[in-house]
Protein backbone atom coordinates (compact mmCIF):
# COMPACT_ATOMS: atom_id res chain seq x y z
CA MET A 1 -50.57 52.50 1.17
CA LEU A 2 -54.03 51.16 1.84
CA PRO A 3 -56.64 53.51 3.19
CA SER A 4 -56.74 53.30 6.96
CA ASN A 5 -60.55 53.33 7.05
CA SER A 6 -61.67 49.92 5.78
CA GLN A 7 -65.26 51.12 5.27
CA GLU A 8 -64.09 53.60 2.66
CA ALA A 9 -61.76 51.16 0.92
CA PRO A 10 -63.41 49.44 -2.10
CA THR A 11 -63.38 45.66 -2.26
CA SER A 12 -64.03 43.75 -5.46
CA ALA A 13 -62.97 40.36 -6.81
CA ARG A 14 -64.06 41.57 -10.24
CA ALA A 15 -61.17 44.04 -10.22
CA LEU A 16 -58.74 41.10 -10.56
CA LEU A 17 -60.22 39.99 -13.91
CA PRO A 18 -57.88 42.19 -16.03
CA ILE A 19 -54.66 40.63 -14.70
CA MET A 20 -56.19 37.17 -15.16
CA LEU A 21 -57.10 38.04 -18.73
CA PHE A 22 -53.56 39.20 -19.42
CA LEU A 23 -52.03 36.02 -18.00
CA CYS A 24 -54.45 33.82 -19.95
CA LEU A 25 -53.59 35.58 -23.19
CA PHE A 26 -49.84 35.87 -22.66
CA ILE A 27 -49.19 32.40 -21.22
CA GLY A 28 -52.10 30.62 -22.88
CA VAL A 29 -51.32 31.67 -26.46
CA GLY A 30 -47.62 30.97 -26.01
CA SER A 31 -48.28 27.53 -24.52
CA TYR A 32 -50.74 26.62 -27.26
CA LEU A 33 -48.33 27.63 -30.03
CA HIS A 34 -45.51 25.77 -28.28
CA TRP A 35 -47.60 22.59 -28.27
CA GLN A 36 -48.29 23.15 -31.97
CA GLY A 37 -44.56 23.12 -32.62
CA VAL A 38 -44.27 26.81 -33.51
CA GLU A 39 -40.73 28.16 -33.07
CA PHE A 40 -40.31 31.01 -30.58
CA ALA A 41 -43.91 30.41 -29.51
CA PHE A 42 -43.89 32.92 -26.66
CA TYR A 43 -42.68 35.68 -29.01
CA GLN A 44 -45.62 35.38 -31.39
CA LEU A 45 -47.91 37.48 -29.19
CA PRO A 46 -45.80 40.28 -27.70
CA ALA A 47 -46.57 40.94 -24.04
CA PRO A 48 -47.27 44.67 -24.57
CA ILE A 49 -49.99 43.66 -27.05
CA ALA A 50 -51.38 40.90 -24.83
CA ILE A 51 -51.90 43.35 -21.98
CA ILE A 52 -53.94 45.87 -24.03
CA PRO A 53 -57.24 43.91 -23.75
CA ALA A 54 -56.65 43.71 -19.99
CA ILE A 55 -56.20 47.48 -19.78
CA VAL A 56 -59.40 48.05 -21.80
CA LEU A 57 -61.28 45.67 -19.49
CA ALA A 58 -59.95 47.47 -16.38
CA ILE A 59 -61.11 50.81 -17.73
CA ILE A 60 -64.54 49.36 -18.57
CA LEU A 61 -64.83 47.92 -15.04
CA SER A 62 -63.99 51.25 -13.44
CA LYS A 63 -66.82 52.98 -11.58
CA HIS A 64 -65.40 56.34 -12.62
CA ASN A 65 -65.98 57.99 -15.95
CA ILE A 66 -63.57 57.22 -18.75
CA ASN A 67 -61.53 60.39 -18.26
CA GLN A 68 -60.92 59.63 -14.58
CA ALA A 69 -60.14 55.99 -15.30
CA ILE A 70 -57.56 56.95 -17.91
CA GLU A 71 -56.10 59.50 -15.50
CA GLN A 72 -55.69 56.75 -12.89
CA PHE A 73 -54.04 54.53 -15.50
CA VAL A 74 -51.59 57.24 -16.53
CA GLY A 75 -50.87 57.99 -12.87
CA GLY A 76 -49.89 54.37 -12.34
CA MET A 77 -47.62 54.48 -15.35
CA SER A 78 -45.83 57.51 -13.91
CA ASN A 79 -45.25 55.86 -10.53
CA HIS A 80 -41.72 56.48 -9.20
CA ASN A 81 -40.87 52.76 -9.11
CA ILE A 82 -42.10 52.18 -12.66
CA ILE A 83 -40.15 55.11 -14.11
CA THR A 84 -37.04 54.04 -12.20
CA MET A 85 -37.26 50.54 -13.67
CA CYS A 86 -37.74 51.90 -17.18
CA LEU A 87 -34.65 54.12 -16.90
CA ILE A 88 -32.64 51.13 -15.68
CA TYR A 89 -33.84 49.17 -18.71
CA LEU A 90 -32.60 51.88 -21.08
CA LEU A 91 -29.19 52.24 -19.41
CA ALA A 92 -28.70 48.47 -19.14
CA GLY A 93 -29.54 48.03 -22.80
CA ALA A 94 -27.17 50.81 -23.83
CA PHE A 95 -24.30 49.45 -21.74
CA SER A 96 -24.78 45.92 -23.05
CA ALA A 97 -24.86 47.12 -26.68
CA VAL A 98 -21.81 49.37 -26.39
CA ALA A 99 -19.72 46.84 -24.44
CA LYS A 100 -20.51 44.12 -26.95
CA ALA A 101 -19.76 46.30 -29.97
CA SER A 102 -16.48 47.54 -28.49
CA GLY A 103 -15.19 44.05 -27.61
CA GLY A 104 -15.48 44.45 -23.86
CA ALA A 105 -17.87 41.51 -23.47
CA GLU A 106 -15.46 39.10 -25.13
CA ALA A 107 -12.51 40.30 -23.03
CA VAL A 108 -14.25 40.01 -19.68
CA VAL A 109 -15.66 36.59 -20.58
CA ASN A 110 -12.18 35.33 -21.38
CA LEU A 111 -10.87 36.77 -18.11
CA ALA A 112 -13.63 35.04 -16.17
CA LEU A 113 -13.12 31.73 -17.92
CA ASN A 114 -9.39 31.85 -17.24
CA GLY A 115 -9.89 32.58 -13.55
CA VAL A 116 -12.83 30.36 -12.54
CA PRO A 117 -12.83 26.54 -12.76
CA SER A 118 -15.19 25.28 -15.44
CA TRP A 119 -16.97 23.05 -12.91
CA PHE A 120 -17.93 26.08 -10.81
CA LEU A 121 -19.02 28.58 -13.47
CA LEU A 122 -22.78 28.19 -12.97
CA PRO A 123 -22.83 28.30 -9.15
CA GLY A 124 -20.07 30.91 -9.28
CA ILE A 125 -22.28 33.32 -11.21
CA PHE A 126 -25.05 32.79 -8.65
CA VAL A 127 -22.64 33.69 -5.83
CA VAL A 128 -21.28 36.75 -7.64
CA ALA A 129 -24.78 38.02 -8.41
CA GLY A 130 -25.78 37.46 -4.79
CA LEU A 131 -22.82 39.41 -3.41
CA ILE A 132 -23.34 42.32 -5.79
CA ALA A 133 -27.08 42.50 -5.09
CA THR A 134 -26.41 42.49 -1.33
CA ALA A 135 -24.02 45.41 -1.78
CA MET A 136 -26.17 47.34 -4.26
CA GLY A 137 -29.54 46.63 -2.70
CA THR A 138 -31.16 46.22 -6.11
CA SER A 139 -31.83 43.08 -8.14
CA MET A 140 -32.40 45.14 -11.29
CA GLY A 141 -29.02 46.86 -11.07
CA THR A 142 -27.33 43.52 -10.40
CA ILE A 143 -28.92 41.86 -13.41
CA ALA A 144 -27.94 44.80 -15.60
CA ALA A 145 -24.32 44.51 -14.46
CA VAL A 146 -23.90 40.72 -14.36
CA ALA A 147 -26.16 39.38 -17.11
CA PRO A 148 -24.01 40.44 -20.12
CA ILE A 149 -20.95 38.76 -18.57
CA ALA A 150 -22.93 35.65 -17.67
CA LEU A 151 -24.34 35.34 -21.18
CA GLY A 152 -20.88 35.51 -22.73
CA ILE A 153 -19.57 32.89 -20.30
CA ALA A 154 -22.50 30.57 -21.07
CA GLN A 155 -21.99 30.86 -24.82
CA THR A 156 -18.24 30.30 -24.64
CA ALA A 157 -18.29 27.50 -22.06
CA GLY A 158 -21.23 25.64 -23.59
CA ILE A 159 -23.54 26.14 -20.60
CA ASP A 160 -27.28 26.18 -21.29
CA PRO A 161 -28.21 29.90 -21.37
CA VAL A 162 -31.51 29.10 -19.63
CA TYR A 163 -29.67 27.73 -16.59
CA MET A 164 -27.29 30.69 -16.60
CA ALA A 165 -30.19 33.16 -16.76
CA GLY A 166 -31.83 31.37 -13.82
CA ALA A 167 -28.58 31.54 -11.85
CA VAL A 168 -28.28 35.29 -12.40
CA LEU A 169 -31.92 35.89 -11.52
CA GLY A 170 -31.68 33.73 -8.40
CA GLY A 171 -28.49 35.35 -7.18
CA ALA A 172 -29.91 38.84 -7.74
CA MET A 173 -33.07 37.99 -5.76
CA PHE A 174 -31.04 36.36 -2.96
CA GLY A 175 -28.86 39.44 -2.46
CA ASP A 176 -31.73 41.89 -2.83
CA ASN A 177 -33.71 39.97 -0.20
CA LEU A 178 -30.89 40.18 2.35
CA SER A 179 -29.45 43.63 1.62
CA ILE A 180 -30.01 46.20 4.35
CA ILE A 181 -30.17 48.98 1.76
CA SER A 182 -32.72 47.25 -0.47
CA ASP A 183 -36.08 48.99 -1.05
CA THR A 184 -37.88 45.81 -0.04
CA THR A 185 -35.98 45.53 3.24
CA ILE A 186 -36.63 49.17 4.09
CA ALA A 187 -40.32 48.86 3.17
CA ALA A 188 -40.76 45.64 5.19
CA THR A 189 -39.07 46.93 8.34
CA ARG A 190 -40.86 50.28 8.23
CA THR A 191 -44.34 48.87 7.66
CA GLN A 192 -43.91 46.25 10.39
CA GLY A 193 -42.07 48.51 12.85
CA CYS A 194 -38.97 46.42 13.57
CA ALA A 195 -35.22 46.89 13.62
CA MET A 196 -33.38 46.08 10.42
CA LYS A 197 -30.86 43.84 12.20
CA ASP A 198 -33.66 41.70 13.66
CA LYS A 199 -35.31 41.27 10.28
CA PHE A 200 -31.91 40.36 8.78
CA ARG A 201 -31.40 37.59 11.34
CA GLN A 202 -34.84 36.17 10.58
CA ASN A 203 -34.18 36.31 6.83
CA LEU A 204 -30.71 34.80 7.04
CA GLY A 205 -32.01 31.65 8.72
CA ILE A 206 -34.21 31.00 5.70
CA ALA A 207 -32.37 32.57 2.76
CA LEU A 208 -28.92 31.10 3.50
CA PRO A 209 -30.02 27.42 3.54
CA ALA A 210 -32.00 28.08 0.34
CA ALA A 211 -28.94 29.63 -1.29
CA LEU A 212 -26.70 26.69 -0.29
CA LEU A 213 -29.21 24.22 -1.72
CA THR A 214 -29.35 26.28 -4.91
CA ILE A 215 -25.54 26.23 -5.21
CA VAL A 216 -25.57 22.43 -4.89
CA LEU A 217 -28.26 22.15 -7.57
CA LEU A 218 -26.40 24.50 -9.92
CA PHE A 219 -23.22 22.51 -9.33
CA VAL A 220 -25.06 19.37 -10.45
CA LEU A 221 -26.49 21.16 -13.49
CA ASN A 222 -23.13 22.73 -14.42
CA ASP A 223 -22.15 21.05 -17.68
CA SER A 224 -19.51 23.31 -19.15
CA ALA A 225 -16.81 22.17 -21.51
CA LYS A 226 -13.22 21.95 -20.34
CA LEU A 227 -11.61 25.09 -21.65
CA GLU A 228 -8.00 25.94 -22.32
CA SER A 229 -6.66 29.40 -21.52
CA LEU A 230 -8.25 31.91 -23.84
CA PRO A 231 -6.41 34.87 -25.38
CA ILE A 232 -7.26 38.39 -24.23
CA ASN A 233 -6.45 40.64 -27.20
CA ASN A 234 -7.35 43.92 -25.55
CA PRO A 235 -7.41 43.73 -21.73
CA LEU A 236 -8.31 47.44 -21.51
CA SER A 237 -11.73 46.75 -23.03
CA ALA A 238 -12.63 44.66 -19.95
CA LEU A 239 -12.13 47.69 -17.68
CA PRO A 240 -15.73 48.98 -17.86
CA TYR A 241 -17.13 45.68 -16.59
CA LEU A 242 -14.63 45.48 -13.76
CA VAL A 243 -15.29 49.09 -12.77
CA ILE A 244 -19.08 48.72 -12.65
CA LEU A 245 -18.79 45.51 -10.64
CA LEU A 246 -16.56 47.26 -8.11
CA MET A 247 -18.89 50.24 -8.00
CA ALA A 248 -21.80 47.88 -7.45
CA VAL A 249 -20.03 46.11 -4.59
CA PHE A 250 -19.41 49.46 -2.89
CA GLY A 251 -23.09 50.37 -3.20
CA VAL A 252 -22.84 53.20 -5.75
CA ASN A 253 -26.19 54.35 -7.15
CA VAL A 254 -27.30 52.06 -9.97
CA PHE A 255 -27.76 54.96 -12.42
CA VAL A 256 -24.23 56.15 -11.76
CA VAL A 257 -22.93 52.60 -12.18
CA LEU A 258 -24.59 52.03 -15.54
CA PHE A 259 -23.88 55.49 -16.93
CA SER A 260 -20.22 55.16 -15.95
CA GLY A 261 -20.12 51.77 -17.66
CA ILE A 262 -21.46 53.24 -20.90
CA VAL A 263 -18.95 56.09 -20.90
CA LEU A 264 -16.03 53.82 -20.01
CA ALA A 265 -16.96 51.19 -22.61
CA GLY A 266 -17.17 53.80 -25.34
CA GLY A 267 -14.09 55.68 -24.14
CA THR A 268 -11.82 52.63 -23.96
CA ALA A 269 -12.99 51.49 -27.41
CA MET A 270 -12.16 54.89 -28.91
CA LEU A 271 -8.71 54.88 -27.33
CA SER A 272 -7.94 51.32 -28.37
CA GLY A 273 -9.09 51.20 -31.95
CA ASP A 274 -11.45 52.27 -34.71
CA TYR A 275 -14.62 53.18 -32.85
CA PRO A 276 -15.94 56.57 -34.02
CA LEU A 277 -18.00 58.80 -31.77
CA LEU A 278 -21.01 58.54 -34.11
CA THR A 279 -20.88 54.74 -33.90
CA PHE A 280 -20.83 55.06 -30.10
CA GLY A 281 -24.04 57.12 -30.28
CA LYS A 282 -25.70 54.65 -32.63
CA ASP A 283 -24.86 51.73 -30.35
CA ILE A 284 -26.36 53.54 -27.37
CA TYR A 285 -29.56 54.09 -29.31
CA ALA A 286 -29.57 50.46 -30.46
CA GLY A 287 -29.40 49.45 -26.80
CA PHE A 288 -32.34 51.71 -26.04
CA SER A 289 -34.33 50.19 -28.91
CA GLY A 290 -33.63 46.67 -27.68
CA MET A 291 -35.47 47.48 -24.45
CA GLN A 292 -38.63 48.71 -26.14
CA GLU A 293 -40.77 45.67 -25.30
CA ILE A 294 -40.05 45.53 -21.57
CA PHE A 295 -40.15 49.34 -21.37
CA LEU A 296 -43.70 49.40 -22.72
CA LEU A 297 -44.87 46.38 -20.71
CA SER A 298 -43.57 47.86 -17.44
CA LEU A 299 -45.44 51.11 -18.09
CA PHE A 300 -48.63 49.21 -18.91
CA ILE A 301 -48.28 46.96 -15.84
CA GLY A 302 -47.91 50.05 -13.65
CA GLY A 303 -51.08 51.61 -15.06
CA LEU A 304 -53.06 48.38 -14.85
CA SER A 305 -51.99 47.84 -11.21
CA ALA A 306 -53.18 51.33 -10.32
CA LEU A 307 -56.62 50.63 -11.81
CA MET A 308 -56.96 47.31 -9.97
CA ARG A 309 -55.87 48.89 -6.72
CA GLU A 310 -58.35 51.74 -7.13
CA GLN A 311 -61.17 49.29 -7.92
CA GLY A 312 -60.55 47.17 -4.82
CA GLY A 313 -58.84 44.10 -6.24
CA LEU A 314 -55.97 44.19 -3.77
CA ARG A 315 -58.27 44.89 -0.84
CA PHE A 316 -60.34 41.84 -1.81
CA ILE A 317 -57.25 39.63 -1.67
CA GLN A 318 -56.32 40.91 1.75
CA GLN A 319 -59.80 40.56 3.25
CA TRP A 320 -60.20 37.05 1.79
CA VAL A 321 -57.00 35.89 3.45
CA GLY A 322 -57.80 37.69 6.71
CA LYS A 323 -61.14 35.90 7.11
CA ARG A 324 -59.52 32.49 6.73
CA VAL A 325 -56.87 33.28 9.29
CA ASN A 326 -59.55 34.26 11.81
CA LYS A 327 -61.31 30.89 11.33
CA ALA A 328 -58.15 28.77 11.71
CA LYS A 329 -57.55 26.62 14.81
CA SER A 330 -53.84 27.46 15.03
CA ARG A 331 -54.11 31.24 14.72
CA SER A 332 -50.38 31.93 14.94
CA PHE A 333 -49.44 29.44 12.21
CA ALA A 334 -52.39 30.56 10.05
CA ALA A 335 -51.42 34.20 10.52
CA GLN A 336 -47.87 33.51 9.30
CA ASN A 337 -49.32 31.78 6.26
CA GLY A 338 -51.73 34.69 5.88
CA ILE A 339 -48.89 37.23 5.89
CA ALA A 340 -47.07 35.20 3.25
CA LEU A 341 -50.20 34.72 1.14
CA ILE A 342 -51.31 38.34 1.28
CA THR A 343 -47.87 39.48 0.19
CA ALA A 344 -47.64 36.87 -2.57
CA LEU A 345 -51.08 37.58 -4.04
CA THR A 346 -50.54 41.33 -3.86
CA ASN A 347 -47.23 40.92 -5.66
CA LEU A 348 -48.93 38.84 -8.35
CA ALA A 349 -51.29 41.72 -8.94
CA VAL A 350 -48.85 44.65 -8.90
CA ALA A 351 -45.72 42.88 -10.28
CA ASN A 352 -43.43 44.90 -8.00
CA ASN A 353 -42.12 43.50 -4.71
CA THR A 354 -41.54 46.86 -3.04
CA VAL A 355 -44.99 48.16 -3.96
CA ALA A 356 -46.55 44.88 -2.83
CA ILE A 357 -44.95 45.20 0.61
CA LEU A 358 -46.08 48.81 0.94
CA VAL A 359 -49.64 48.02 -0.14
CA ALA A 360 -50.00 44.94 2.09
CA GLY A 361 -48.08 46.37 5.05
CA ASP A 362 -51.00 47.66 7.10
CA LEU A 363 -52.99 44.42 7.05
CA THR A 364 -49.98 42.15 7.66
CA LYS A 365 -48.92 44.29 10.60
CA GLN A 366 -52.41 43.99 12.03
CA LEU A 367 -52.40 40.21 11.53
CA ALA A 368 -49.04 39.92 13.24
CA LYS A 369 -50.08 42.07 16.20
CA GLU A 370 -53.39 40.26 16.77
CA ASN A 371 -51.68 36.85 16.71
CA GLU A 372 -48.56 37.78 18.72
CA ILE A 373 -46.12 37.32 15.84
CA GLU A 374 -42.83 39.19 16.18
CA ALA A 375 -42.58 42.20 13.91
CA ALA A 376 -39.22 40.99 12.64
CA ARG A 377 -40.72 37.65 11.60
CA SER A 378 -43.62 39.39 9.86
CA ALA A 379 -41.20 41.67 8.00
CA SER A 380 -39.05 38.68 7.05
CA LEU A 381 -42.01 36.70 5.70
CA MET A 382 -43.18 39.68 3.64
CA ASP A 383 -39.76 40.25 2.11
CA ILE A 384 -39.21 36.55 1.42
CA PHE A 385 -42.51 35.87 -0.31
CA ALA A 386 -42.36 39.11 -2.27
CA CYS A 387 -38.94 37.91 -3.44
CA VAL A 388 -40.32 34.47 -4.33
CA ILE A 389 -43.17 35.82 -6.44
CA GLN A 390 -41.12 38.58 -8.05
CA GLY A 391 -38.53 36.01 -9.12
CA LEU A 392 -41.13 33.67 -10.62
CA ILE A 393 -43.60 35.92 -12.50
CA PRO A 394 -42.76 36.15 -16.21
CA TYR A 395 -44.14 39.70 -16.34
CA GLY A 396 -41.92 40.93 -13.50
CA ALA A 397 -39.18 43.46 -14.18
CA GLN A 398 -36.35 41.06 -13.37
CA ALA A 399 -37.46 38.25 -15.69
CA LEU A 400 -38.22 40.76 -18.46
CA LEU A 401 -34.81 42.39 -18.19
CA ILE A 402 -32.78 39.21 -18.14
CA GLY A 403 -34.98 37.72 -20.87
CA SER A 404 -34.21 40.70 -23.11
CA LEU A 405 -30.49 40.58 -22.40
CA PHE A 406 -30.33 36.80 -23.00
CA SER A 407 -32.85 36.84 -25.91
CA LEU A 408 -35.02 34.35 -24.03
CA SER A 409 -38.72 34.29 -23.28
CA PRO A 410 -39.31 35.49 -19.69
CA ILE A 411 -41.38 32.33 -19.15
CA VAL A 412 -38.34 30.23 -20.00
CA VAL A 413 -36.20 32.35 -17.65
CA VAL A 414 -38.45 31.86 -14.62
CA SER A 415 -38.70 28.13 -15.34
CA ALA A 416 -35.02 27.86 -14.35
CA ALA A 417 -35.16 30.32 -11.42
CA TRP A 418 -34.38 27.61 -8.86
CA TYR A 419 -33.56 29.90 -5.94
CA PRO A 420 -37.05 31.47 -5.53
CA MET A 421 -38.61 28.00 -5.71
CA ILE A 422 -36.24 26.57 -3.09
CA LEU A 423 -36.65 29.69 -0.93
CA ALA A 424 -40.43 29.19 -0.86
CA ALA A 425 -40.03 25.55 0.18
CA VAL A 426 -37.53 26.37 2.94
CA ALA A 427 -39.71 29.22 4.22
CA VAL A 428 -42.73 26.91 4.46
CA LEU A 429 -40.69 24.29 6.35
CA VAL A 430 -39.47 26.95 8.79
CA MET A 431 -43.03 28.13 9.38
CA LEU A 432 -44.06 24.53 10.11
CA ARG A 433 -41.19 24.14 12.55
CA ARG A 434 -42.17 27.34 14.34
CA LYS A 435 -45.83 26.39 14.43
């Protein structure tokens, strides 16, 4: 949380230079190489390497000595949310690798293709991801559970994997935004001091129309081939996927869900055929290795965010927005925009929607109170715009995870994340209507 005494809180626009440097390097180099016709342009400069100059710059900009600056950086890396995400990465990678090697991915894809009309596969995945995320309260856990299935369906049905990745990401963000057990919902309601049911009503009036528009768009984009019934050679191998989806729907802890999926995938493969225990172990490790890039980047992002927060970058964003709200003619409308903008800019800096809500919570609550905005509306705006930014930043955990599972650049993934884009537009229209 922000320091309660604003005189003691540092404020510095210069503290935002490191994240700008990282974005310029990561996106700029990839874009330049893409225009030069280089294949896999955004993979030429790995994100964990692109962020190193930004970390060095943040340490140089620190007013503390180098030992204290490095200690702050390491403290940010060890943040609870960062470590939680990294563990989810490892488990998701292991489950995906084991299920694929044991034939479970093929079996569940064939089951899905036999049960869902080809014309509804793309919007159907969005709906499934949304329902699971609402039940689980975590977009990361939802992506880990749904993405391997969605990828297999896209490859078999001839759907563009980019559109499928966007559908999974959008559905996960939709459900996470509405779920009453989501970290973002809990953070938003607690910081703003409102009842969860009131915030849910506010959110539903914006998120549901956005979701319906997204379903229509995905229906238009759905271009799958007409498929005949596909054979399911070993139905038992699909059991791990079905079990983790059911566990997710019933809100079981994401770590329990993924660990159970790994054990079930390996166990059913050993019972059904030639799948030695040592091979099982090697596949788990291969899954871990496949998550190395996003694991490192998430740690580095956590450390960089801590340095920028300590140096006053986030406080600068919040004060800059606050001054413009105070000068506006329509204070109430400007304050709603200010709440949304503070949350969005903070999320851009910290790359974590829950942390962004916690960090910005004090100032947004103050803005809402001074301009007679309901606490539930303030909480709803925070959650919505944190969701929008988190779903659209290529260095966010969600885009990184689904990009790794789909073997796509995270920039390509967010380019097809239609739901966050539509959600932002609908939210702005609602704010104009309530002006």
